[in-house]
PDB file of all heavy atoms in Angstrom:
ATOM      1  N   CYS A   1      60.665 -22.174  -0.968  1.00  0.00           N
ATOM      2  CA  CYS A   1      60.263 -23.118   0.088  1.00  0.00           C
ATOM      3  C   CYS A   1      61.085 -22.893   1.343  1.00  0.00           C
ATOM      4  O   CYS A   1      60.585 -23.289   2.441  1.00  0.00           O
ATOM      5  CB  CYS A   1      60.460 -24.563  -0.363  1.00  0.00           C
ATOM      6  SG  CYS A   1      59.278 -25.048  -1.674  1.00  0.00           S
ATOM      7  N   ALA A   2      62.247 -22.279   1.261  1.00  0.00           N
ATOM      8  CA  ALA A   2      63.096 -22.046   2.379  1.00  0.00           C
ATOM      9  C   ALA A   2      62.925 -20.719   3.049  1.00  0.00           C
ATOM     10  O   ALA A   2      63.681 -20.415   4.073  1.00  0.00           O
ATOM     11  CB  ALA A   2      64.573 -22.254   1.977  1.00  0.00           C
ATOM     12  N   ILE A   3      62.032 -19.903   2.599  1.00  0.00           N
ATOM     13  CA  ILE A   3      61.804 -18.565   3.196  1.00  0.00           C
ATOM     14  C   ILE A   3      61.192 -18.793   4.588  1.00  0.00           C
ATOM     15  O   ILE A   3      60.085 -19.363   4.665  1.00  0.00           O
ATOM     16  CB  ILE A   3      60.933 -17.652   2.355  1.00  0.00           C
ATOM     17  CG1 ILE A   3      61.601 -17.352   1.035  1.00  0.00           C
ATOM     18  CG2 ILE A   3      60.564 -16.330   3.122  1.00  0.00           C
ATOM     19  CD1 ILE A   3      60.789 -16.521  -0.003  1.00  0.00           C
ATOM     20  N   PRO A   4      61.816 -18.325   5.637  1.00  0.00           N
ATOM     21  CA  PRO A   4      61.254 -18.524   6.970  1.00  0.00           C
ATOM     22  C   PRO A   4      59.770 -17.965   7.106  1.00  0.00           C
ATOM     23  O   PRO A   4      59.502 -16.903   6.667  1.00  0.00           O
ATOM     24  CB  PRO A   4      62.227 -17.697   7.891  1.00  0.00           C
ATOM     25  CG  PRO A   4      63.489 -17.673   7.089  1.00  0.00           C
ATOM     26  CD  PRO A   4      63.064 -17.583   5.704  1.00  0.00           C
ATOM     27  N   GLY A   5      58.902 -18.796   7.678  1.00  0.00           N
ATOM     28  CA  GLY A   5      57.580 -18.343   7.935  1.00  0.00           C
ATOM     29  C   GLY A   5      56.618 -18.547   6.757  1.00  0.00           C
ATOM     30  O   GLY A   5      55.463 -18.337   6.835  1.00  0.00           O
ATOM     31  N   MET A   6      57.160 -19.035   5.620  1.00  0.00           N
ATOM     32  CA  MET A   6      56.372 -19.181   4.405  1.00  0.00           C
ATOM     33  C   MET A   6      56.438 -20.613   3.893  1.00  0.00           C
ATOM     34  O   MET A   6      57.466 -21.283   4.106  1.00  0.00           O
ATOM     35  CB  MET A   6      56.787 -18.241   3.286  1.00  0.00           C
ATOM     36  CG  MET A   6      56.805 -16.757   3.614  1.00  0.00           C
ATOM     37  SD  MET A   6      55.194 -16.068   4.036  1.00  0.00           S
ATOM     38  CE  MET A   6      54.349 -16.101   2.474  1.00  0.00           C
ATOM     39  N   ARG A   7      55.392 -21.035   3.214  1.00  0.00           N
ATOM     40  CA  ARG A   7      55.458 -22.331   2.590  1.00  0.00           C
ATOM     41  C   ARG A   7      54.794 -22.180   1.150  1.00  0.00           C
ATOM     42  O   ARG A   7      53.794 -21.564   1.045  1.00  0.00           O
ATOM     43  CB  ARG A   7      54.819 -23.415   3.422  1.00  0.00           C
ATOM     44  CG  ARG A   7      53.342 -23.283   3.666  1.00  0.00           C
ATOM     45  CD  ARG A   7      52.835 -24.377   4.588  1.00  0.00           C
ATOM     46  NE  ARG A   7      51.487 -24.127   4.981  1.00  0.00           N
ATOM     47  CZ  ARG A   7      50.465 -24.560   4.296  1.00  0.00           C
ATOM     48  NH1 ARG A   7      50.588 -25.308   3.230  1.00  0.00           N
ATOM     49  NH2 ARG A   7      49.213 -24.282   4.673  1.00  0.00           N
ATOM     50  N   VAL A   8      55.322 -22.886   0.177  1.00  0.00           N
ATOM     51  CA  VAL A   8      54.773 -22.894  -1.117  1.00  0.00           C
ATOM     52  C   VAL A   8      53.655 -23.937  -1.119  1.00  0.00           C
ATOM     53  O   VAL A   8      53.832 -25.097  -0.751  1.00  0.00           O
ATOM     54  CB  VAL A   8      55.886 -23.297  -2.178  1.00  0.00           C
ATOM     55  CG1 VAL A   8      55.292 -23.447  -3.516  1.00  0.00           C
ATOM     56  CG2 VAL A   8      56.976 -22.255  -2.152  1.00  0.00           C
ATOM     57  N   VAL A   9      52.450 -23.465  -1.550  1.00  0.00           N
ATOM     58  CA  VAL A   9      51.309 -24.381  -1.594  1.00  0.00           C
ATOM     59  C   VAL A   9      50.886 -24.705  -3.050  1.00  0.00           C
ATOM     60  O   VAL A   9      50.155 -25.706  -3.237  1.00  0.00           O
ATOM     61  CB  VAL A   9      50.148 -23.819  -0.749  1.00  0.00           C
ATOM     62  CG1 VAL A   9      50.508 -23.748   0.737  1.00  0.00           C
ATOM     63  CG2 VAL A   9      49.680 -22.494  -1.268  1.00  0.00           C
ATOM     64  N   ALA A  10      51.327 -23.930  -3.990  1.00  0.00           N
ATOM     65  CA  ALA A  10      51.054 -24.231  -5.393  1.00  0.00           C
ATOM     66  C   ALA A  10      52.009 -23.520  -6.277  1.00  0.00           C
ATOM     67  O   ALA A  10      52.483 -22.421  -5.982  1.00  0.00           O
ATOM     68  CB  ALA A  10      49.595 -23.792  -5.786  1.00  0.00           C
ATOM     69  N   VAL A  11      52.293 -24.214  -7.397  1.00  0.00           N
ATOM     70  CA  VAL A  11      53.135 -23.588  -8.433  1.00  0.00           C
ATOM     71  C   VAL A  11      52.432 -23.757  -9.802  1.00  0.00           C
ATOM     72  O   VAL A  11      51.969 -24.922 -10.035  1.00  0.00           O
ATOM     73  CB  VAL A  11      54.541 -24.254  -8.485  1.00  0.00           C
ATOM     74  CG1 VAL A  11      55.437 -23.540  -9.590  1.00  0.00           C
ATOM     75  CG2 VAL A  11      55.234 -24.042  -7.103  1.00  0.00           C
ATOM     76  N   SER A  12      52.394 -22.754 -10.567  1.00  0.00           N
ATOM     77  CA  SER A  12      51.697 -22.870 -11.893  1.00  0.00           C
ATOM     78  C   SER A  12      52.532 -23.747 -12.871  1.00  0.00           C
ATOM     79  O   SER A  12      53.654 -24.080 -12.550  1.00  0.00           O
ATOM     80  CB  SER A  12      51.486 -21.409 -12.471  1.00  0.00           C
ATOM     81  OG  SER A  12      52.786 -20.921 -12.823  1.00  0.00           O
ATOM     82  N   SER A  13      51.953 -23.887 -14.012  1.00  0.00           N
ATOM     83  CA  SER A  13      52.730 -24.408 -15.155  1.00  0.00           C
ATOM     84  C   SER A  13      53.768 -23.372 -15.529  1.00  0.00           C
ATOM     85  O   SER A  13      53.728 -22.187 -15.110  1.00  0.00           O
ATOM     86  CB  SER A  13      51.834 -24.568 -16.357  1.00  0.00           C
ATOM     87  OG  SER A  13      50.769 -25.436 -16.078  1.00  0.00           O
ATOM     88  N   TRP A  14      54.739 -23.804 -16.359  1.00  0.00           N
ATOM     89  CA  TRP A  14      55.687 -22.782 -16.931  1.00  0.00           C
ATOM     90  C   TRP A  14      55.170 -22.366 -18.255  1.00  0.00           C
ATOM     91  O   TRP A  14      54.557 -23.079 -19.032  1.00  0.00           O
ATOM     92  CB  TRP A  14      57.065 -23.490 -17.094  1.00  0.00           C
ATOM     93  CG  TRP A  14      57.674 -23.855 -15.786  1.00  0.00           C
ATOM     94  CD1 TRP A  14      58.051 -25.096 -15.425  1.00  0.00           C
ATOM     95  CD2 TRP A  14      57.980 -23.065 -14.690  1.00  0.00           C
ATOM     96  NE1 TRP A  14      58.574 -25.097 -14.154  1.00  0.00           N
ATOM     97  CE2 TRP A  14      58.497 -23.833 -13.615  1.00  0.00           C
ATOM     98  CE3 TRP A  14      57.803 -21.686 -14.412  1.00  0.00           C
ATOM     99  CZ2 TRP A  14      58.901 -23.380 -12.408  1.00  0.00           C
ATOM    100  CZ3 TRP A  14      58.186 -21.189 -13.159  1.00  0.00           C
ATOM    101  CH2 TRP A  14      58.710 -22.027 -12.138  1.00  0.00           C
ATOM    102  N   TRP A  15      55.345 -21.086 -18.531  1.00  0.00           N
ATOM    103  CA  TRP A  15      54.891 -20.394 -19.679  1.00  0.00           C
ATOM    104  C   TRP A  15      56.049 -19.697 -20.368  1.00  0.00           C
ATOM    105  O   TRP A  15      56.996 -19.277 -19.716  1.00  0.00           O
ATOM    106  CB  TRP A  15      53.814 -19.336 -19.300  1.00  0.00           C
ATOM    107  CG  TRP A  15      52.561 -19.943 -18.720  1.00  0.00           C
ATOM    108  CD1 TRP A  15      52.436 -20.435 -17.434  1.00  0.00           C
ATOM    109  CD2 TRP A  15      51.356 -20.138 -19.400  1.00  0.00           C
ATOM    110  NE1 TRP A  15      51.140 -20.911 -17.311  1.00  0.00           N
ATOM    111  CE2 TRP A  15      50.469 -20.687 -18.459  1.00  0.00           C
ATOM    112  CE3 TRP A  15      50.883 -19.854 -20.697  1.00  0.00           C
ATOM    113  CZ2 TRP A  15      49.146 -20.967 -18.696  1.00  0.00           C
ATOM    114  CZ3 TRP A  15      49.587 -20.125 -20.936  1.00  0.00           C
ATOM    115  CH2 TRP A  15      48.720 -20.714 -20.063  1.00  0.00           C
ATOM    116  N   GLU A  16      56.019 -19.592 -21.687  1.00  0.00           N
ATOM    117  CA  GLU A  16      57.019 -18.852 -22.455  1.00  0.00           C
ATOM    118  C   GLU A  16      56.377 -17.638 -22.982  1.00  0.00           C
ATOM    119  O   GLU A  16      55.270 -17.660 -23.563  1.00  0.00           O
ATOM    120  CB  GLU A  16      57.564 -19.709 -23.599  1.00  0.00           C
ATOM    121  CG  GLU A  16      58.712 -19.026 -24.340  1.00  0.00           C
ATOM    122  CD  GLU A  16      59.239 -19.841 -25.466  1.00  0.00           C
ATOM    123  OE1 GLU A  16      60.195 -20.610 -25.193  1.00  0.00           O
ATOM    124  OE2 GLU A  16      58.691 -19.767 -26.600  1.00  0.00           O
ATOM    125  N   SER A  17      57.032 -16.498 -22.808  1.00  0.00           N
ATOM    126  CA  SER A  17      56.468 -15.256 -23.243  1.00  0.00           C
ATOM    127  C   SER A  17      57.536 -14.300 -23.865  1.00  0.00           C
ATOM    128  O   SER A  17      58.732 -14.465 -23.535  1.00  0.00           O
ATOM    129  CB  SER A  17      55.778 -14.450 -22.135  1.00  0.00           C
ATOM    130  OG  SER A  17      56.742 -14.086 -21.148  1.00  0.00           O
ATOM    131  N   ALA A  18      57.091 -13.458 -24.696  1.00  0.00           N
ATOM    132  CA  ALA A  18      58.010 -12.458 -25.327  1.00  0.00           C
ATOM    133  C   ALA A  18      58.310 -11.349 -24.319  1.00  0.00           C
ATOM    134  O   ALA A  18      57.454 -11.040 -23.465  1.00  0.00           O
ATOM    135  CB  ALA A  18      57.334 -11.852 -26.577  1.00  0.00           C
ATOM    136  N   PRO A  19      59.480 -10.778 -24.348  1.00  0.00           N
ATOM    137  CA  PRO A  19      59.785  -9.647 -23.382  1.00  0.00           C
ATOM    138  C   PRO A  19      58.794  -8.485 -23.594  1.00  0.00           C
ATOM    139  O   PRO A  19      58.409  -8.237 -24.682  1.00  0.00           O
ATOM    140  CB  PRO A  19      61.224  -9.240 -23.851  1.00  0.00           C
ATOM    141  CG  PRO A  19      61.766 -10.404 -24.617  1.00  0.00           C
ATOM    142  CD  PRO A  19      60.562 -11.079 -25.243  1.00  0.00           C
ATOM    143  N   ILE A  20      58.563  -7.811 -22.468  1.00  0.00           N
ATOM    144  CA  ILE A  20      57.723  -6.575 -22.479  1.00  0.00           C
ATOM    145  C   ILE A  20      58.531  -5.541 -21.787  1.00  0.00           C
ATOM    146  O   ILE A  20      58.914  -5.759 -20.613  1.00  0.00           O
ATOM    147  CB  ILE A  20      56.375  -6.711 -21.851  1.00  0.00           C
ATOM    148  CG1 ILE A  20      55.500  -7.740 -22.629  1.00  0.00           C
ATOM    149  CG2 ILE A  20      55.660  -5.382 -21.732  1.00  0.00           C
ATOM    150  CD1 ILE A  20      54.119  -8.021 -22.037  1.00  0.00           C
ATOM    151  N   PRO A  21      58.913  -4.412 -22.418  1.00  0.00           N
ATOM    152  CA  PRO A  21      58.587  -4.059 -23.770  1.00  0.00           C
ATOM    153  C   PRO A  21      59.362  -4.954 -24.768  1.00  0.00           C
ATOM    154  O   PRO A  21      60.352  -5.586 -24.403  1.00  0.00           O
ATOM    155  CB  PRO A  21      59.052  -2.621 -23.920  1.00  0.00           C
ATOM    156  CG  PRO A  21      60.072  -2.431 -22.861  1.00  0.00           C
ATOM    157  CD  PRO A  21      59.757  -3.386 -21.743  1.00  0.00           C
ATOM    158  N   PRO A  22      58.851  -5.027 -26.044  1.00  0.00           N
ATOM    159  CA  PRO A  22      59.519  -5.901 -27.012  1.00  0.00           C
ATOM    160  C   PRO A  22      60.989  -5.611 -27.222  1.00  0.00           C
ATOM    161  O   PRO A  22      61.342  -4.431 -27.243  1.00  0.00           O
ATOM    162  CB  PRO A  22      58.695  -5.700 -28.270  1.00  0.00           C
ATOM    163  CG  PRO A  22      57.384  -5.118 -27.836  1.00  0.00           C
ATOM    164  CD  PRO A  22      57.677  -4.390 -26.545  1.00  0.00           C
ATOM    165  N   ASP A  23      61.731  -6.644 -27.316  1.00  0.00           N
ATOM    166  CA  ASP A  23      63.220  -6.504 -27.532  1.00  0.00           C
ATOM    167  C   ASP A  23      63.705  -7.604 -28.361  1.00  0.00           C
ATOM    168  O   ASP A  23      63.840  -8.756 -27.898  1.00  0.00           O
ATOM    169  CB  ASP A  23      63.941  -6.436 -26.207  1.00  0.00           C
ATOM    170  CG  ASP A  23      65.448  -6.297 -26.318  1.00  0.00           C
ATOM    171  OD1 ASP A  23      65.938  -6.300 -27.463  1.00  0.00           O
ATOM    172  OD2 ASP A  23      66.114  -6.257 -25.303  1.00  0.00           O
ATOM    173  N   PRO A  24      63.876  -7.397 -29.711  1.00  0.00           N
ATOM    174  CA  PRO A  24      64.245  -8.522 -30.575  1.00  0.00           C
ATOM    175  C   PRO A  24      65.557  -9.200 -30.177  1.00  0.00           C
ATOM    176  O   PRO A  24      65.833 -10.328 -30.499  1.00  0.00           O
ATOM    177  CB  PRO A  24      64.335  -7.883 -31.976  1.00  0.00           C
ATOM    178  CG  PRO A  24      63.923  -6.476 -31.807  1.00  0.00           C
ATOM    179  CD  PRO A  24      63.702  -6.135 -30.367  1.00  0.00           C
ATOM    180  N   ALA A  25      66.388  -8.486 -29.431  1.00  0.00           N
ATOM    181  CA  ALA A  25      67.685  -9.026 -28.991  1.00  0.00           C
ATOM    182  C   ALA A  25      67.586  -9.904 -27.800  1.00  0.00           C
ATOM    183  O   ALA A  25      68.563 -10.536 -27.367  1.00  0.00           O
ATOM    184  CB  ALA A  25      68.731  -7.927 -28.834  1.00  0.00           C
ATOM    185  N   SER A  26      66.398  -9.867 -27.163  1.00  0.00           N
ATOM    186  CA  SER A  26      66.265 -10.563 -25.833  1.00  0.00           C
ATOM    187  C   SER A  26      65.533 -11.916 -26.038  1.00  0.00           C
ATOM    188  O   SER A  26      64.469 -11.947 -26.767  1.00  0.00           O
ATOM    189  CB  SER A  26      65.407  -9.650 -24.957  1.00  0.00           C
ATOM    190  OG  SER A  26      65.247 -10.280 -23.658  1.00  0.00           O
ATOM    191  N   PRO A  27      66.044 -12.992 -25.525  1.00  0.00           N
ATOM    192  CA  PRO A  27      65.394 -14.254 -25.684  1.00  0.00           C
ATOM    193  C   PRO A  27      64.009 -14.289 -24.995  1.00  0.00           C
ATOM    194  O   PRO A  27      63.734 -13.489 -24.079  1.00  0.00           O
ATOM    195  CB  PRO A  27      66.295 -15.302 -24.952  1.00  0.00           C
ATOM    196  CG  PRO A  27      67.458 -14.526 -24.472  1.00  0.00           C
ATOM    197  CD  PRO A  27      67.224 -13.082 -24.709  1.00  0.00           C
ATOM    198  N   PRO A  28      63.129 -15.253 -25.339  1.00  0.00           N
ATOM    199  CA  PRO A  28      61.827 -15.319 -24.644  1.00  0.00           C
ATOM    200  C   PRO A  28      62.051 -15.675 -23.126  1.00  0.00           C
ATOM    201  O   PRO A  28      63.049 -16.189 -22.761  1.00  0.00           O
ATOM    202  CB  PRO A  28      61.079 -16.444 -25.308  1.00  0.00           C
ATOM    203  CG  PRO A  28      61.965 -16.876 -26.384  1.00  0.00           C
ATOM    204  CD  PRO A  28      63.262 -16.221 -26.290  1.00  0.00           C
ATOM    205  N   PHE A  29      61.055 -15.273 -22.337  1.00  0.00           N
ATOM    206  CA  PHE A  29      61.095 -15.527 -20.898  1.00  0.00           C
ATOM    207  C   PHE A  29      60.384 -16.866 -20.585  1.00  0.00           C
ATOM    208  O   PHE A  29      59.399 -17.284 -21.282  1.00  0.00           O
ATOM    209  CB  PHE A  29      60.383 -14.443 -20.138  1.00  0.00           C
ATOM    210  CG  PHE A  29      61.255 -13.294 -19.785  1.00  0.00           C
ATOM    211  CD1 PHE A  29      61.396 -12.267 -20.704  1.00  0.00           C
ATOM    212  CD2 PHE A  29      61.902 -13.206 -18.605  1.00  0.00           C
ATOM    213  CE1 PHE A  29      62.140 -11.183 -20.407  1.00  0.00           C
ATOM    214  CE2 PHE A  29      62.721 -12.131 -18.305  1.00  0.00           C
ATOM    215  CZ  PHE A  29      62.899 -11.115 -19.200  1.00  0.00           C
ATOM    216  N   VAL A  30      60.821 -17.528 -19.544  1.00  0.00           N
ATOM    217  CA  VAL A  30      60.093 -18.601 -18.856  1.00  0.00           C
ATOM    218  C   VAL A  30      59.459 -17.936 -17.706  1.00  0.00           C
ATOM    219  O   VAL A  30      60.124 -17.236 -16.904  1.00  0.00           O
ATOM    220  CB  VAL A  30      61.026 -19.782 -18.462  1.00  0.00           C
ATOM    221  CG1 VAL A  30      60.259 -20.782 -17.658  1.00  0.00           C
ATOM    222  CG2 VAL A  30      61.683 -20.408 -19.654  1.00  0.00           C
ATOM    223  N   ASN A  31      58.121 -18.197 -17.476  1.00  0.00           N
ATOM    224  CA  ASN A  31      57.416 -17.527 -16.378  1.00  0.00           C
ATOM    225  C   ASN A  31      56.489 -18.521 -15.705  1.00  0.00           C
ATOM    226  O   ASN A  31      56.018 -19.478 -16.261  1.00  0.00           O
ATOM    227  CB  ASN A  31      56.499 -16.397 -16.934  1.00  0.00           C
ATOM    228  CG  ASN A  31      57.205 -15.332 -17.656  1.00  0.00           C
ATOM    229  OD1 ASN A  31      57.229 -15.271 -18.902  1.00  0.00           O
ATOM    230  ND2 ASN A  31      57.908 -14.492 -16.907  1.00  0.00           N
ATOM    231  N   GLY A  32      56.261 -18.226 -14.429  1.00  0.00           N
ATOM    232  CA  GLY A  32      55.324 -18.953 -13.604  1.00  0.00           C
ATOM    233  C   GLY A  32      54.952 -18.137 -12.423  1.00  0.00           C
ATOM    234  O   GLY A  32      55.441 -17.030 -12.227  1.00  0.00           O
ATOM    235  N   VAL A  33      53.975 -18.637 -11.636  1.00  0.00           N
ATOM    236  CA  VAL A  33      53.645 -18.001 -10.339  1.00  0.00           C
ATOM    237  C   VAL A  33      53.533 -19.044  -9.259  1.00  0.00           C
ATOM    238  O   VAL A  33      53.025 -20.134  -9.496  1.00  0.00           O
ATOM    239  CB  VAL A  33      52.297 -17.297 -10.521  1.00  0.00           C
ATOM    240  CG1 VAL A  33      51.718 -16.809  -9.230  1.00  0.00           C
ATOM    241  CG2 VAL A  33      52.369 -16.084 -11.467  1.00  0.00           C
ATOM    242  N   ALA A  34      54.039 -18.664  -8.098  1.00  0.00           N
ATOM    243  CA  ALA A  34      53.951 -19.514  -6.885  1.00  0.00           C
ATOM    244  C   ALA A  34      52.975 -18.882  -5.940  1.00  0.00           C
ATOM    245  O   ALA A  34      53.021 -17.650  -5.733  1.00  0.00           O
ATOM    246  CB  ALA A  34      55.281 -19.689  -6.283  1.00  0.00           C
ATOM    247  N   LEU A  35      52.203 -19.685  -5.264  1.00  0.00           N
ATOM    248  CA  LEU A  35      51.329 -19.273  -4.198  1.00  0.00           C
ATOM    249  C   LEU A  35      51.943 -19.740  -2.921  1.00  0.00           C
ATOM    250  O   LEU A  35      52.208 -20.920  -2.733  1.00  0.00           O
ATOM    251  CB  LEU A  35      49.876 -19.888  -4.367  1.00  0.00           C
ATOM    252  CG  LEU A  35      48.943 -19.627  -3.253  1.00  0.00           C
ATOM    253  CD1 LEU A  35      48.637 -18.184  -3.035  1.00  0.00           C
ATOM    254  CD2 LEU A  35      47.650 -20.489  -3.533  1.00  0.00           C
ATOM    255  N   LEU A  36      52.212 -18.823  -2.017  1.00  0.00           N
ATOM    256  CA  LEU A  36      52.810 -19.107  -0.733  1.00  0.00           C
ATOM    257  C   LEU A  36      51.798 -18.765   0.351  1.00  0.00           C
ATOM    258  O   LEU A  36      51.028 -17.800   0.215  1.00  0.00           O
ATOM    259  CB  LEU A  36      54.074 -18.325  -0.489  1.00  0.00           C
ATOM    260  CG  LEU A  36      55.316 -18.731  -1.329  1.00  0.00           C
ATOM    261  CD1 LEU A  36      55.172 -18.179  -2.729  1.00  0.00           C
ATOM    262  CD2 LEU A  36      56.559 -18.135  -0.701  1.00  0.00           C
ATOM    263  N   HIS A  37      51.811 -19.453   1.495  1.00  0.00           N
ATOM    264  CA  HIS A  37      51.064 -19.115   2.684  1.00  0.00           C
ATOM    265  C   HIS A  37      52.067 -18.976   3.781  1.00  0.00           C
ATOM    266  O   HIS A  37      53.079 -19.647   3.892  1.00  0.00           O
ATOM    267  CB  HIS A  37      50.049 -20.216   3.005  1.00  0.00           C
ATOM    268  CG  HIS A  37      48.830 -20.230   2.162  1.00  0.00           C
ATOM    269  ND1 HIS A  37      47.887 -21.195   2.207  1.00  0.00           N
ATOM    270  CD2 HIS A  37      48.451 -19.460   1.134  1.00  0.00           C
ATOM    271  CE1 HIS A  37      46.929 -20.979   1.306  1.00  0.00           C
ATOM    272  NE2 HIS A  37      47.268 -19.902   0.631  1.00  0.00           N
ATOM    273  N   GLY A  38      51.729 -18.094   4.678  1.00  0.00           N
ATOM    274  CA  GLY A  38      52.517 -17.867   5.869  1.00  0.00           C
ATOM    275  C   GLY A  38      52.477 -16.501   6.434  1.00  0.00           C
ATOM    276  O   GLY A  38      51.548 -15.738   6.149  1.00  0.00           O
TER     277      GLY A  38
END
């Protein structure tokens, strides 16, 4: 939201996913996507 010239207009839900490529020693990821305009 603080990036000059840009504004966040939407943020997705949070999702949990396995690492790609698979890594049994790596915890799952939290992921989302933000839509910015500017």
